[in-house]
């Protein structure tokens, strides 16, 4: 497994700044390393009122995805209903060729 400690920290910080509770144990959100980046999902435990409904998980998953995309991360869904977060590849734009000024001979 490839370790992405900076990515894990950046994802956690972005979610905390957006108001998400990311503390292990108290939050239903689980942020963990993944071979391709970082995965954000649900802890398997139940909340005080029982497990969160599928629609509640979908709403939070959508909000998390929006926050992370706004911070420049690449976010995709997994088959398990989690989010896979990766760093965006820097885009390199080739420099425009210098245009030589037209010369007037005459």
PDB file of N, CA and C in Angstrom:
ATOM      1  N   UNK A   1       0.842  -1.168   0.000  1.00  0.00           N
ATOM      2  CA  UNK A   1       0.000   0.000   0.000  1.00  0.00           C
ATOM      3  C   UNK A   1       0.890   1.236   0.000  1.00  0.00           C
ATOM      4  N   UNK A   2       0.549   2.204  -0.816  1.00  0.00           N
ATOM      5  CA  UNK A   2       1.274   3.459  -0.875  1.00  0.00           C
ATOM      6  C   UNK A   2       0.747   4.351   0.246  1.00  0.00           C
ATOM      7  N   UNK A   3       1.661   4.986   0.964  1.00  0.00           N
ATOM      8  CA  UNK A   3       1.271   5.844   2.069  1.00  0.00           C
ATOM      9  C   UNK A   3       1.161   7.284   1.573  1.00  0.00           C
ATOM     10  N   UNK A   4       0.067   7.937   1.931  1.00  0.00           N
ATOM     11  CA  UNK A   4      -0.179   9.317   1.526  1.00  0.00           C
ATOM     12  C   UNK A   4      -0.447  10.173   2.765  1.00  0.00           C
ATOM     13  N   UNK A   5       0.564  10.357   3.651  1.00  0.00           N
ATOM     14  CA  UNK A   5       0.294  11.074   4.903  1.00  0.00           C
ATOM     15  C   UNK A   5      -0.133  12.526   4.688  1.00  0.00           C
ATOM     16  N   UNK A   6       0.473  13.223   3.733  1.00  0.00           N
ATOM     17  CA  UNK A   6       0.097  14.613   3.496  1.00  0.00           C
ATOM     18  C   UNK A   6      -1.325  14.708   2.968  1.00  0.00           C
ATOM     19  N   UNK A   7      -1.686  13.801   2.083  1.00  0.00           N
ATOM     20  CA  UNK A   7      -3.037  13.802   1.537  1.00  0.00           C
ATOM     21  C   UNK A   7      -4.051  13.519   2.638  1.00  0.00           C
ATOM     22  N   UNK A   8      -3.758  12.575   3.504  1.00  0.00           N
ATOM     23  CA  UNK A   8      -4.651  12.252   4.621  1.00  0.00           C
ATOM     24  C   UNK A   8      -4.840  13.481   5.510  1.00  0.00           C
ATOM     25  N   UNK A   9      -3.766  14.171   5.814  1.00  0.00           N
ATOM     26  CA  UNK A   9      -3.850  15.382   6.631  1.00  0.00           C
ATOM     27  C   UNK A   9      -4.631  16.484   5.926  1.00  0.00           C
ATOM     28  N   UNK A  10      -4.377  16.672   4.640  1.00  0.00           N
ATOM     29  CA  UNK A  10      -5.056  17.728   3.885  1.00  0.00           C
ATOM     30  C   UNK A  10      -6.559  17.473   3.784  1.00  0.00           C
ATOM     31  N   UNK A  11      -6.936  16.228   3.549  1.00  0.00           N
ATOM     32  CA  UNK A  11      -8.357  15.880   3.459  1.00  0.00           C
ATOM     33  C   UNK A  11      -9.035  16.102   4.809  1.00  0.00           C
ATOM     34  N   UNK A  12      -8.393  15.645   5.872  1.00  0.00           N
ATOM     35  CA  UNK A  12      -8.964  15.825   7.207  1.00  0.00           C
ATOM     36  C   UNK A  12      -9.117  17.302   7.533  1.00  0.00           C
ATOM     37  N   UNK A  13      -8.093  18.091   7.244  1.00  0.00           N
ATOM     38  CA  UNK A  13      -8.147  19.528   7.524  1.00  0.00           C
ATOM     39  C   UNK A  13      -9.256  20.212   6.728  1.00  0.00           C
ATOM     40  N   UNK A  14      -9.406  19.861   5.455  1.00  0.00           N
ATOM     41  CA  UNK A  14     -10.459  20.463   4.630  1.00  0.00           C
ATOM     42  C   UNK A  14     -11.839  20.158   5.204  1.00  0.00           C
ATOM     43  N   UNK A  15     -12.044  18.933   5.665  1.00  0.00           N
ATOM     44  CA  UNK A  15     -13.346  18.563   6.219  1.00  0.00           C
ATOM     45  C   UNK A  15     -13.596  19.239   7.565  1.00  0.00           C
ATOM     46  N   UNK A  16     -12.572  19.350   8.390  1.00  0.00           N
ATOM     47  CA  UNK A  16     -12.722  20.035   9.686  1.00  0.00           C
ATOM     48  C   UNK A  16     -13.070  21.501   9.459  1.00  0.00           C
ATOM     49  N   UNK A  17     -12.376  22.151   8.529  1.00  0.00           N
ATOM     50  CA  UNK A  17     -12.653  23.562   8.230  1.00  0.00           C
ATOM     51  C   UNK A  17     -14.067  23.768   7.714  1.00  0.00           C
ATOM     52  N   UNK A  18     -14.622  22.757   7.064  1.00  0.00           N
ATOM     53  CA  UNK A  18     -15.988  22.839   6.546  1.00  0.00           C
ATOM     54  C   UNK A  18     -17.025  22.505   7.618  1.00  0.00           C
ATOM     55  N   UNK A  19     -16.559  22.112   8.812  1.00  0.00           N
ATOM     56  CA  UNK A  19     -17.483  21.850   9.909  1.00  0.00           C
ATOM     57  C   UNK A  19     -17.802  20.396  10.164  1.00  0.00           C
ATOM     58  N   UNK A  20     -17.137  19.488   9.483  1.00  0.00           N
ATOM     59  CA  UNK A  20     -17.367  18.064   9.711  1.00  0.00           C
ATOM     60  C   UNK A  20     -16.601  17.597  10.943  1.00  0.00           C
ATOM     61  N   UNK A  21     -17.218  16.728  11.713  1.00  0.00           N
ATOM     62  CA  UNK A  21     -16.552  16.107  12.852  1.00  0.00           C
ATOM     63  C   UNK A  21     -15.771  14.917  12.308  1.00  0.00           C
ATOM     64  N   UNK A  22     -14.467  14.954  12.458  1.00  0.00           N
ATOM     65  CA  UNK A  22     -13.625  13.879  11.933  1.00  0.00           C
ATOM     66  C   UNK A  22     -12.893  13.127  13.035  1.00  0.00           C
ATOM     67  N   UNK A  23     -13.224  13.425  14.291  1.00  0.00           N
ATOM     68  CA  UNK A  23     -12.535  12.785  15.408  1.00  0.00           C
ATOM     69  C   UNK A  23     -12.828  11.285  15.422  1.00  0.00           C
ATOM     70  N   UNK A  24     -11.791  10.450  15.483  1.00  0.00           N
ATOM     71  CA  UNK A  24     -12.020   9.002  15.529  1.00  0.00           C
ATOM     72  C   UNK A  24     -12.872   8.630  16.745  1.00  0.00           C
ATOM     73  N   UNK A  25     -13.835   7.794  16.511  1.00  0.00           N
ATOM     74  CA  UNK A  25     -14.700   7.318  17.587  1.00  0.00           C
ATOM     75  C   UNK A  25     -15.974   8.119  17.750  1.00  0.00           C
ATOM     76  N   UNK A  26     -15.880   9.459  17.700  1.00  0.00           N
ATOM     77  CA  UNK A  26     -17.086  10.263  17.904  1.00  0.00           C
ATOM     78  C   UNK A  26     -17.812  10.567  16.603  1.00  0.00           C
ATOM     79  N   UNK A  27     -17.128  10.466  15.496  1.00  0.00           N
ATOM     80  CA  UNK A  27     -17.718  10.803  14.209  1.00  0.00           C
ATOM     81  C   UNK A  27     -18.057   9.547  13.418  1.00  0.00           C
ATOM     82  N   UNK A  28     -19.176   9.571  12.694  1.00  0.00           N
ATOM     83  CA  UNK A  28     -19.467   8.429  11.824  1.00  0.00           C
ATOM     84  C   UNK A  28     -18.588   8.420  10.566  1.00  0.00           C
ATOM     85  N   UNK A  29     -17.913   9.549  10.289  1.00  0.00           N
ATOM     86  CA  UNK A  29     -17.014   9.585   9.132  1.00  0.00           C
ATOM     87  C   UNK A  29     -15.717   8.861   9.460  1.00  0.00           C
ATOM     88  N   UNK A  30     -15.237   8.123   8.482  1.00  0.00           N
ATOM     89  CA  UNK A  30     -13.967   7.418   8.622  1.00  0.00           C
ATOM     90  C   UNK A  30     -13.071   7.861   7.478  1.00  0.00           C
ATOM     91  N   UNK A  31     -11.899   8.365   7.816  1.00  0.00           N
ATOM     92  CA  UNK A  31     -10.921   8.808   6.825  1.00  0.00           C
ATOM     93  C   UNK A  31      -9.709   7.911   6.997  1.00  0.00           C
ATOM     94  N   UNK A  32      -9.331   7.225   5.914  1.00  0.00           N
ATOM     95  CA  UNK A  32      -8.251   6.250   6.032  1.00  0.00           C
ATOM     96  C   UNK A  32      -7.434   6.222   4.756  1.00  0.00           C
ATOM     97  N   UNK A  33      -6.235   5.652   4.862  1.00  0.00           N
ATOM     98  CA  UNK A  33      -5.377   5.477   3.693  1.00  0.00           C
ATOM     99  C   UNK A  33      -5.956   4.430   2.756  1.00  0.00           C
ATOM    100  N   UNK A  34      -5.631   4.576   1.497  1.00  0.00           N
ATOM    101  CA  UNK A  34      -6.048   3.647   0.448  1.00  0.00           C
ATOM    102  C   UNK A  34      -4.876   3.538  -0.512  1.00  0.00           C
ATOM    103  N   UNK A  35      -4.806   2.456  -1.238  1.00  0.00           N
ATOM    104  CA  UNK A  35      -3.686   2.244  -2.173  1.00  0.00           C
ATOM    105  C   UNK A  35      -3.569   3.369  -3.200  1.00  0.00           C
ATOM    106  N   UNK A  36      -4.693   3.982  -3.550  1.00  0.00           N
ATOM    107  CA  UNK A  36      -4.678   5.020  -4.581  1.00  0.00           C
ATOM    108  C   UNK A  36      -4.824   6.430  -4.024  1.00  0.00           C
ATOM    109  N   UNK A  37      -4.928   6.580  -2.726  1.00  0.00           N
ATOM    110  CA  UNK A  37      -5.095   7.909  -2.146  1.00  0.00           C
ATOM    111  C   UNK A  37      -5.621   7.804  -0.728  1.00  0.00           C
ATOM    112  N   UNK A  38      -6.783   8.416  -0.495  1.00  0.00           N
ATOM    113  CA  UNK A  38      -7.446   8.401   0.799  1.00  0.00           C
ATOM    114  C   UNK A  38      -8.897   8.033   0.569  1.00  0.00           C
ATOM    115  N   UNK A  39      -9.455   7.244   1.477  1.00  0.00           N
ATOM    116  CA  UNK A  39     -10.856   6.865   1.360  1.00  0.00           C
ATOM    117  C   UNK A  39     -11.633   7.507   2.506  1.00  0.00           C
ATOM    118  N   UNK A  40     -12.805   8.054   2.178  1.00  0.00           N
ATOM    119  CA  UNK A  40     -13.705   8.630   3.176  1.00  0.00           C
ATOM    120  C   UNK A  40     -14.979   7.797   3.144  1.00  0.00           C
ATOM    121  N   UNK A  41     -15.332   7.242   4.294  1.00  0.00           N
ATOM    122  CA  UNK A  41     -16.517   6.394   4.360  1.00  0.00           C
ATOM    123  C   UNK A  41     -17.173   6.509   5.724  1.00  0.00           C
ATOM    124  N   UNK A  42     -17.971   5.511   6.063  1.00  0.00           N
ATOM    125  CA  UNK A  42     -18.697   5.478   7.324  1.00  0.00           C
ATOM    126  C   UNK A  42     -18.094   4.454   8.254  1.00  0.00           C
ATOM    127  N   UNK A  43     -18.036   4.799   9.531  1.00  0.00           N
ATOM    128  CA  UNK A  43     -17.641   3.816  10.539  1.00  0.00           C
ATOM    129  C   UNK A  43     -18.763   2.795  10.659  1.00  0.00           C
ATOM    130  N   UNK A  44     -18.424   1.549  10.935  1.00  0.00           N
ATOM    131  CA  UNK A  44     -19.454   0.525  10.999  1.00  0.00           C
ATOM    132  C   UNK A  44     -20.338   0.607  12.242  1.00  0.00           C
ATOM    133  N   UNK A  45     -19.953   1.387  13.255  1.00  0.00           N
ATOM    134  CA  UNK A  45     -20.725   1.467  14.493  1.00  0.00           C
ATOM    135  C   UNK A  45     -22.061   2.159  14.316  1.00  0.00           C
ATOM    136  N   UNK A  46     -22.903   1.994  15.298  1.00  0.00           N
ATOM    137  CA  UNK A  46     -24.219   2.632  15.273  1.00  0.00           C
ATOM    138  C   UNK A  46     -24.177   3.912  16.084  1.00  0.00           C
ATOM    139  N   UNK A  47     -24.999   4.882  15.685  1.00  0.00           N
ATOM    140  CA  UNK A  47     -25.136   6.116  16.444  1.00  0.00           C
ATOM    141  C   UNK A  47     -26.099   5.909  17.604  1.00  0.00           C
ATOM    142  N   UNK A  48     -26.317   6.976  18.371  1.00  0.00           N
ATOM    143  CA  UNK A  48     -27.205   6.895  19.534  1.00  0.00           C
ATOM    144  C   UNK A  48     -28.632   6.526  19.136  1.00  0.00           C
ATOM    145  N   UNK A  49     -29.046   6.955  17.964  1.00  0.00           N
ATOM    146  CA  UNK A  49     -30.406   6.680  17.495  1.00  0.00           C
ATOM    147  C   UNK A  49     -30.440   5.545  16.479  1.00  0.00           C
ATOM    148  N   UNK A  50     -29.417   4.731  16.448  1.00  0.00           N
ATOM    149  CA  UNK A  50     -29.349   3.651  15.479  1.00  0.00           C
ATOM    150  C   UNK A  50     -28.451   4.032  14.322  1.00  0.00           C
ATOM    151  N   UNK A  51     -28.266   3.127  13.377  1.00  0.00           N
ATOM    152  CA  UNK A  51     -27.377   3.425  12.249  1.00  0.00           C
ATOM    153  C   UNK A  51     -27.989   4.497  11.359  1.00  0.00           C
ATOM    154  N   UNK A  52     -27.158   5.329  10.745  1.00  0.00           N
ATOM    155  CA  UNK A  52     -27.694   6.351   9.838  1.00  0.00           C
ATOM    156  C   UNK A  52     -28.358   5.692   8.627  1.00  0.00           C
ATOM    157  N   UNK A  53     -29.411   6.333   8.155  1.00  0.00           N
ATOM    158  CA  UNK A  53     -30.129   5.787   7.003  1.00  0.00           C
ATOM    159  C   UNK A  53     -29.297   5.952   5.740  1.00  0.00           C
ATOM    160  N   UNK A  54     -29.686   5.212   4.714  1.00  0.00           N
ATOM    161  CA  UNK A  54     -28.983   5.314   3.435  1.00  0.00           C
ATOM    162  C   UNK A  54     -29.068   6.714   2.853  1.00  0.00           C
ATOM    163  N   UNK A  55     -30.209   7.375   3.028  1.00  0.00           N
ATOM    164  CA  UNK A  55     -30.346   8.728   2.482  1.00  0.00           C
ATOM    165  C   UNK A  55     -29.486   9.721   3.261  1.00  0.00           C
ATOM    166  N   UNK A  56     -29.334   9.526   4.567  1.00  0.00           N
ATOM    167  CA  UNK A  56     -28.459  10.401   5.359  1.00  0.00           C
ATOM    168  C   UNK A  56     -27.013  10.213   4.933  1.00  0.00           C
ATOM    169  N   UNK A  57     -26.604   8.968   4.725  1.00  0.00           N
ATOM    170  CA  UNK A  57     -25.229   8.714   4.270  1.00  0.00           C
ATOM    171  C   UNK A  57     -24.995   9.331   2.902  1.00  0.00           C
ATOM    172  N   UNK A  58     -25.980   9.222   2.014  1.00  0.00           N
ATOM    173  CA  UNK A  58     -25.840   9.786   0.668  1.00  0.00           C
ATOM    174  C   UNK A  58     -25.724  11.310   0.730  1.00  0.00           C
ATOM    175  N   UNK A  59     -26.484  11.941   1.594  1.00  0.00           N
ATOM    176  CA  UNK A  59     -26.427  13.396   1.718  1.00  0.00           C
ATOM    177  C   UNK A  59     -25.063  13.851   2.244  1.00  0.00           C
ATOM    178  N   UNK A  60     -24.568  13.176   3.263  1.00  0.00           N
ATOM    179  CA  UNK A  60     -23.263  13.539   3.816  1.00  0.00           C
ATOM    180  C   UNK A  60     -22.164  13.235   2.807  1.00  0.00           C
ATOM    181  N   UNK A  61     -22.259  12.098   2.119  1.00  0.00           N
ATOM    182  CA  UNK A  61     -21.259  11.741   1.106  1.00  0.00           C
ATOM    183  C   UNK A  61     -21.218  12.812   0.013  1.00  0.00           C
ATOM    184  N   UNK A  62     -22.386  13.291  -0.405  1.00  0.00           N
ATOM    185  CA  UNK A  62     -22.431  14.341  -1.420  1.00  0.00           C
ATOM    186  C   UNK A  62     -21.820  15.644  -0.928  1.00  0.00           C
ATOM    187  N   UNK A  63     -22.104  16.012   0.325  1.00  0.00           N
ATOM    188  CA  UNK A  63     -21.539  17.242   0.891  1.00  0.00           C
ATOM    189  C   UNK A  63     -20.023  17.129   1.033  1.00  0.00           C
ATOM    190  N   UNK A  64     -19.547  15.974   1.475  1.00  0.00           N
ATOM    191  CA  UNK A  64     -18.103  15.755   1.605  1.00  0.00           C
ATOM    192  C   UNK A  64     -17.438  15.868   0.231  1.00  0.00           C
ATOM    193  N   UNK A  65     -18.043  15.270  -0.787  1.00  0.00           N
ATOM    194  CA  UNK A  65     -17.473  15.314  -2.135  1.00  0.00           C
ATOM    195  C   UNK A  65     -17.382  16.749  -2.646  1.00  0.00           C
ATOM    196  N   UNK A  66     -18.411  17.550  -2.402  1.00  0.00           N
ATOM    197  CA  UNK A  66     -18.396  18.952  -2.846  1.00  0.00           C
ATOM    198  C   UNK A  66     -17.273  19.717  -2.157  1.00  0.00           C
ATOM    199  N   UNK A  67     -17.160  19.560  -0.855  1.00  0.00           N
ATOM    200  CA  UNK A  67     -16.108  20.259  -0.098  1.00  0.00           C
ATOM    201  C   UNK A  67     -14.727  19.882  -0.622  1.00  0.00           C
ATOM    202  N   UNK A  68     -14.494  18.596  -0.817  1.00  0.00           N
ATOM    203  CA  UNK A  68     -13.175  18.151  -1.260  1.00  0.00           C
ATOM    204  C   UNK A  68     -12.871  18.598  -2.681  1.00  0.00           C
ATOM    205  N   UNK A  69     -13.863  18.583  -3.556  1.00  0.00           N
ATOM    206  CA  UNK A  69     -13.638  19.063  -4.931  1.00  0.00           C
ATOM    207  C   UNK A  69     -13.336  20.556  -4.933  1.00  0.00           C
ATOM    208  N   UNK A  70     -14.013  21.314  -4.060  1.00  0.00           N
ATOM    209  CA  UNK A  70     -13.736  22.750  -3.975  1.00  0.00           C
ATOM    210  C   UNK A  70     -12.313  23.019  -3.502  1.00  0.00           C
ATOM    211  N   UNK A  71     -11.724  22.069  -2.789  1.00  0.00           N
ATOM    212  CA  UNK A  71     -10.336  22.205  -2.336  1.00  0.00           C
ATOM    213  C   UNK A  71      -9.353  21.646  -3.358  1.00  0.00           C
ATOM    214  N   UNK A  72      -9.829  21.261  -4.521  1.00  0.00           N
ATOM    215  CA  UNK A  72      -8.949  20.833  -5.600  1.00  0.00           C
ATOM    216  C   UNK A  72      -8.611  19.359  -5.649  1.00  0.00           C
ATOM    217  N   UNK A  73      -9.295  18.532  -4.858  1.00  0.00           N
ATOM    218  CA  UNK A  73      -9.038  17.097  -4.877  1.00  0.00           C
ATOM    219  C   UNK A  73      -9.865  16.425  -5.967  1.00  0.00           C
ATOM    220  N   UNK A  74      -9.373  15.308  -6.467  1.00  0.00           N
ATOM    221  CA  UNK A  74     -10.146  14.454  -7.363  1.00  0.00           C
ATOM    222  C   UNK A  74     -10.920  13.475  -6.493  1.00  0.00           C
ATOM    223  N   UNK A  75     -12.233  13.422  -6.655  1.00  0.00           N
ATOM    224  CA  UNK A  75     -13.081  12.588  -5.811  1.00  0.00           C
ATOM    225  C   UNK A  75     -13.931  11.683  -6.698  1.00  0.00           C
ATOM    226  N   UNK A  76     -13.870  10.379  -6.423  1.00  0.00           N
ATOM    227  CA  UNK A  76     -14.690   9.409  -7.136  1.00  0.00           C
ATOM    228  C   UNK A  76     -15.336   8.478  -6.122  1.00  0.00           C
ATOM    229  N   UNK A  77     -16.448   7.884  -6.510  1.00  0.00           N
ATOM    230  CA  UNK A  77     -17.116   6.922  -5.648  1.00  0.00           C
ATOM    231  C   UNK A  77     -16.509   5.544  -5.810  1.00  0.00           C
ATOM    232  N   UNK A  78     -16.644   4.730  -4.768  1.00  0.00           N
ATOM    233  CA  UNK A  78     -16.202   3.342  -4.832  1.00  0.00           C
ATOM    234  C   UNK A  78     -17.424   2.446  -4.850  1.00  0.00           C
ATOM    235  N   UNK A  79     -17.220   1.192  -5.151  1.00  0.00           N
ATOM    236  CA  UNK A  79     -18.316   0.229  -5.167  1.00  0.00           C
ATOM    237  C   UNK A  79     -18.913  -0.015  -3.795  1.00  0.00           C
ATOM    238  N   UNK A  80     -18.184   0.341  -2.739  1.00  0.00           N
ATOM    239  CA  UNK A  80     -18.656   0.142  -1.373  1.00  0.00           C
ATOM    240  C   UNK A  80     -19.383   1.363  -0.828  1.00  0.00           C
ATOM    241  N   UNK A  81     -19.618   2.374  -1.664  1.00  0.00           N
ATOM    242  CA  UNK A  81     -20.313   3.574  -1.217  1.00  0.00           C
ATOM    243  C   UNK A  81     -19.428   4.573  -0.508  1.00  0.00           C
ATOM    244  N   UNK A  82     -18.123   4.436  -0.662  1.00  0.00           N
ATOM    245  CA  UNK A  82     -17.186   5.369  -0.046  1.00  0.00           C
ATOM    246  C   UNK A  82     -16.679   6.331  -1.121  1.00  0.00           C
ATOM    247  N   UNK A  83     -15.881   7.297  -0.701  1.00  0.00           N
ATOM    248  CA  UNK A  83     -15.274   8.241  -1.625  1.00  0.00           C
ATOM    249  C   UNK A  83     -13.774   8.011  -1.667  1.00  0.00           C
ATOM    250  N   UNK A  84     -13.230   7.913  -2.855  1.00  0.00           N
ATOM    251  CA  UNK A  84     -11.790   7.809  -3.047  1.00  0.00           C
ATOM    252  C   UNK A  84     -11.288   9.195  -3.416  1.00  0.00           C
ATOM    253  N   UNK A  85     -10.339   9.700  -2.652  1.00  0.00           N
ATOM    254  CA  UNK A  85      -9.826  11.054  -2.827  1.00  0.00           C
ATOM    255  C   UNK A  85      -8.365  10.966  -3.254  1.00  0.00           C
ATOM    256  N   UNK A  86      -8.043  11.689  -4.320  1.00  0.00           N
ATOM    257  CA  UNK A  86      -6.672  11.736  -4.811  1.00  0.00           C
ATOM    258  C   UNK A  86      -6.284  13.185  -5.057  1.00  0.00           C
ATOM    259  N   UNK A  87      -4.990  13.421  -5.117  1.00  0.00           N
ATOM    260  CA  UNK A  87      -4.494  14.756  -5.456  1.00  0.00           C
ATOM    261  C   UNK A  87      -4.718  14.976  -6.941  1.00  0.00           C
ATOM    262  N   UNK A  88      -5.072  16.191  -7.264  1.00  0.00           N
ATOM    263  CA  UNK A  88      -5.211  16.530  -8.679  1.00  0.00           C
ATOM    264  C   UNK A  88      -3.827  16.630  -9.294  1.00  0.00           C
ATOM    265  N   UNK A  89      -3.680  16.081 -10.473  1.00  0.00           N
ATOM    266  CA  UNK A  89      -2.422  16.189 -11.192  1.00  0.00           C
ATOM    267  C   UNK A  89      -2.253  17.643 -11.625  1.00  0.00           C
ATOM    268  N   UNK A  90      -1.095  18.218 -11.394  1.00  0.00           N
ATOM    269  CA  UNK A  90      -0.909  19.592 -11.852  1.00  0.00           C
ATOM    270  C   UNK A  90      -0.996  19.652 -13.369  1.00  0.00           C
ATOM    271  N   UNK A  91      -1.680  20.632 -13.829  1.00  0.00           N
ATOM    272  CA  UNK A  91      -1.847  20.812 -15.265  1.00  0.00           C
ATOM    273  C   UNK A  91      -0.736  21.728 -15.752  1.00  0.00           C
ATOM    274  N   UNK A  92      -0.006  21.252 -16.718  1.00  0.00           N
ATOM    275  CA  UNK A  92       1.046  22.088 -17.285  1.00  0.00           C
ATOM    276  C   UNK A  92       0.590  22.573 -18.652  1.00  0.00           C
ATOM    277  N   UNK A  93       0.587  23.847 -18.782  1.00  0.00           N
ATOM    278  CA  UNK A  93       0.187  24.457 -20.046  1.00  0.00           C
ATOM    279  C   UNK A  93       1.456  24.845 -20.776  1.00  0.00           C
ATOM    280  N   UNK A  94       1.614  24.341 -21.996  1.00  0.00           N
ATOM    281  CA  UNK A  94       2.831  24.702 -22.719  1.00  0.00           C
ATOM    282  C   UNK A  94       2.845  26.205 -22.994  1.00  0.00           C
ATOM    283  N   UNK A  95       4.001  26.805 -22.913  1.00  0.00           N
ATOM    284  CA  UNK A  95       4.069  28.246 -23.174  1.00  0.00           C
ATOM    285  C   UNK A  95       3.736  28.532 -24.632  1.00  0.00           C
ATOM    286  N   UNK A  96       3.105  29.671 -24.824  1.00  0.00           N
ATOM    287  CA  UNK A  96       2.770  30.053 -26.195  1.00  0.00           C
ATOM    288  C   UNK A  96       4.052  30.462 -26.915  1.00  0.00           C
ATOM    289  N   UNK A  97       4.170  30.069 -28.160  1.00  0.00           N
ATOM    290  CA  UNK A  97       5.386  30.462 -28.887  1.00  0.00           C
ATOM    291  C   UNK A  97       5.414  31.982 -29.070  1.00  0.00           C
ATOM    292  N   UNK A  98       6.597  32.508 -28.964  1.00  0.00           N
ATOM    293  CA  UNK A  98       6.729  33.948 -29.158  1.00  0.00           C
ATOM    294  C   UNK A  98       6.516  34.260 -30.623  1.00  0.00           C
ATOM    295  N   UNK A  99       5.705  35.243 -30.848  1.00  0.00           N
ATOM    296  CA  UNK A  99       5.427  35.645 -32.210  1.00  0.00           C
ATOM    297  C   UNK A  99       6.368  36.784 -32.564  1.00  0.00           C
ATOM    298  N   UNK A 100       7.091  36.570 -33.620  1.00  0.00           N
ATOM    299  CA  UNK A 100       8.007  37.616 -34.063  1.00  0.00           C
ATOM    300  C   UNK A 100       7.197  38.741 -34.701  1.00  0.00           C
ATOM    301  N   UNK A 101       7.520  39.962 -34.357  1.00  0.00           N
ATOM    302  CA  UNK A 101       6.770  41.061 -34.968  1.00  0.00           C
ATOM    303  C   UNK A 101       7.009  41.084 -36.478  1.00  0.00           C
ATOM    304  N   UNK A 102       5.973  41.467 -37.156  1.00  0.00           N
ATOM    305  CA  UNK A 102       6.108  41.551 -38.610  1.00  0.00           C
ATOM    306  C   UNK A 102       7.120  42.643 -38.947  1.00  0.00           C
ATOM    307  N   UNK A 103       7.906  42.345 -39.921  1.00  0.00           N
ATOM    308  CA  UNK A 103       8.897  43.334 -40.348  1.00  0.00           C
ATOM    309  C   UNK A 103       8.461  43.896 -41.686  1.00  0.00           C
ATOM    310  N   UNK A 104       8.554  45.145 -41.781  1.00  0.00           N
ATOM    311  CA  UNK A 104       8.208  45.798 -43.020  1.00  0.00           C
ATOM    312  C   UNK A 104       9.495  46.196 -43.756  1.00  0.00           C
ATOM    313  N   UNK A 105       9.652  45.620 -44.889  1.00  0.00           N
ATOM    314  CA  UNK A 105      10.822  45.927 -45.690  1.00  0.00           C
ATOM    315  C   UNK A 105      10.404  46.903 -46.766  1.00  0.00           C
ATOM    316  N   UNK A 106      10.976  47.922 -46.789  1.00  0.00           N
ATOM    317  CA  UNK A 106      10.588  48.757 -47.888  1.00  0.00           C
ATOM    318  C   UNK A 106      11.078  50.075 -47.888  1.00  0.00           C
TER     319      UNK A 106
END
